[in-house]
Amino acid sequence: MPNVTVSVPEDLREEMRSRDEVNWSAVMRKAVQEHLRKLAIADAVAEKSELTDEDIEELDALVKQGMGEEYELA
């Protein structure tokens, strides 16, 4: 199996070192597999979508506007 190097901040590395019982390779492998699964689902949904780039930009603007309003209320 090939090796992959992952960079993490020093504080995270220290916390990981304090947990020798954890197989961090397995944790990373599962996290990558799960992320790839979600990307595959998103690709499948996007492939069937009939939205145009213009539609997507309009929805993006509406979502960002709504989020901005929500945070202003908080």
C-alpha atoms as a PDB file:
ATOM      1  CA  MET A   1       0.000   0.000   0.000  1.00  0.00           C
ATOM      2  CA  PRO A   2       1.455   3.435  -0.905  1.00  0.00           C
ATOM      3  CA  ASN A   3       2.256   5.983   1.807  1.00  0.00           C
ATOM      4  CA  VAL A   4       0.912   9.541   1.887  1.00  0.00           C
ATOM      5  CA  THR A   5       2.361  12.308   4.056  1.00  0.00           C
ATOM      6  CA  VAL A   6      -0.081  14.662   5.790  1.00  0.00           C
ATOM      7  CA  SER A   7       0.921  17.970   7.367  1.00  0.00           C
ATOM      8  CA  VAL A   8      -0.844  19.001  10.562  1.00  0.00           C
ATOM      9  CA  PRO A   9      -0.306  21.907  12.965  1.00  0.00           C
ATOM     10  CA  GLU A  10       2.056  21.191  15.859  1.00  0.00           C
ATOM     11  CA  ASP A  11      -0.696  21.372  18.503  1.00  0.00           C
ATOM     12  CA  LEU A  12      -2.732  18.756  16.641  1.00  0.00           C
ATOM     13  CA  ARG A  13       0.333  16.543  16.293  1.00  0.00           C
ATOM     14  CA  GLU A  14       0.978  16.762  20.036  1.00  0.00           C
ATOM     15  CA  GLU A  15      -2.608  15.787  20.762  1.00  0.00           C
ATOM     16  CA  MET A  16      -2.320  12.871  18.333  1.00  0.00           C
ATOM     17  CA  ARG A  17       0.916  11.737  20.030  1.00  0.00           C
ATOM     18  CA  SER A  18      -0.876  11.666  23.364  1.00  0.00           C
ATOM     19  CA  ARG A  19      -3.229   9.026  21.938  1.00  0.00           C
ATOM     20  CA  ASP A  20      -0.927   6.093  21.106  1.00  0.00           C
ATOM     21  CA  GLU A  21      -3.883   3.691  21.217  1.00  0.00           C
ATOM     22  CA  VAL A  22      -5.318   5.261  18.052  1.00  0.00           C
ATOM     23  CA  ASN A  23      -4.317   3.945  14.637  1.00  0.00           C
ATOM     24  CA  TRP A  24      -4.076   7.349  12.925  1.00  0.00           C
ATOM     25  CA  SER A  25      -3.450   5.775   9.526  1.00  0.00           C
ATOM     26  CA  ALA A  26      -6.789   3.980   9.773  1.00  0.00           C
ATOM     27  CA  VAL A  27      -8.520   7.163  10.955  1.00  0.00           C
ATOM     28  CA  MET A  28      -7.102   9.137   8.018  1.00  0.00           C
ATOM     29  CA  ARG A  29      -7.914   6.349   5.561  1.00  0.00           C
ATOM     30  CA  LYS A  30     -11.548   6.231   6.712  1.00  0.00           C
ATOM     31  CA  ALA A  31     -11.829  10.039   6.592  1.00  0.00           C
ATOM     32  CA  VAL A  32     -10.494  10.140   3.022  1.00  0.00           C
ATOM     33  CA  GLN A  33     -12.797   7.296   1.954  1.00  0.00           C
ATOM     34  CA  GLU A  34     -15.812   9.072   3.456  1.00  0.00           C
ATOM     35  CA  HIS A  35     -14.906  12.371   1.791  1.00  0.00           C
ATOM     36  CA  LEU A  36     -14.491  10.638  -1.578  1.00  0.00           C
ATOM     37  CA  ARG A  37     -17.881   8.947  -1.102  1.00  0.00           C
ATOM     38  CA  LYS A  38     -19.513  12.345  -0.491  1.00  0.00           C
ATOM     39  CA  LEU A  39     -17.787  13.800  -3.558  1.00  0.00           C
ATOM     40  CA  ALA A  40     -19.059  10.910  -5.684  1.00  0.00           C
ATOM     41  CA  ILE A  41     -22.608  11.583  -4.477  1.00  0.00           C
ATOM     42  CA  ALA A  42     -22.238  15.299  -5.226  1.00  0.00           C
ATOM     43  CA  ASP A  43     -20.903  14.470  -8.704  1.00  0.00           C
ATOM     44  CA  ALA A  44     -23.841  12.145  -9.370  1.00  0.00           C
ATOM     45  CA  VAL A  45     -26.323  14.827  -8.299  1.00  0.00           C
ATOM     46  CA  ALA A  46     -24.556  17.505 -10.360  1.00  0.00           C
ATOM     47  CA  GLU A  47     -24.480  15.251 -13.407  1.00  0.00           C
ATOM     48  CA  LYS A  48     -28.285  14.996 -13.371  1.00  0.00           C
ATOM     49  CA  SER A  49     -28.779  18.690 -12.659  1.00  0.00           C
ATOM     50  CA  GLU A  50     -30.260  20.934 -15.316  1.00  0.00           C
ATOM     51  CA  LEU A  51     -29.084  24.109 -13.602  1.00  0.00           C
ATOM     52  CA  THR A  52     -27.008  26.497 -15.676  1.00  0.00           C
ATOM     53  CA  ASP A  53     -23.898  28.244 -14.366  1.00  0.00           C
ATOM     54  CA  GLU A  54     -26.020  31.399 -14.149  1.00  0.00           C
ATOM     55  CA  ASP A  55     -28.617  29.571 -12.009  1.00  0.00           C
ATOM     56  CA  ILE A  56     -25.872  28.331  -9.696  1.00  0.00           C
ATOM     57  CA  GLU A  57     -24.392  31.814  -9.293  1.00  0.00           C
ATOM     58  CA  GLU A  58     -27.842  33.213  -8.469  1.00  0.00           C
ATOM     59  CA  LEU A  59     -28.475  30.497  -5.861  1.00  0.00           C
ATOM     60  CA  ASP A  60     -25.007  31.055  -4.419  1.00  0.00           C
ATOM     61  CA  ALA A  61     -25.717  34.772  -3.984  1.00  0.00           C
ATOM     62  CA  LEU A  62     -29.083  34.067  -2.330  1.00  0.00           C
ATOM     63  CA  VAL A  63     -27.572  31.563   0.100  1.00  0.00           C
ATOM     64  CA  LYS A  64     -24.744  33.928   1.025  1.00  0.00           C
ATOM     65  CA  GLN A  65     -27.221  36.774   1.512  1.00  0.00           C
ATOM     66  CA  GLY A  66     -29.386  34.598   3.751  1.00  0.00           C
ATOM     67  CA  MET A  67     -26.386  33.489   5.795  1.00  0.00           C
ATOM     68  CA  GLY A  68     -25.287  37.099   6.200  1.00  0.00           C
ATOM     69  CA  GLU A  69     -28.726  38.084   7.447  1.00  0.00           C
ATOM     70  CA  GLU A  70     -28.790  35.136   9.863  1.00  0.00           C
ATOM     71  CA  TYR A  71     -25.448  36.130  11.379  1.00  0.00           C
ATOM     72  CA  GLU A  72     -26.535  39.760  11.697  1.00  0.00           C
ATOM     73  CA  LEU A  73     -29.472  38.615  13.827  1.00  0.00           C
ATOM     74  CA  ALA A  74     -27.296  36.508  16.117  1.00  0.00           C
END
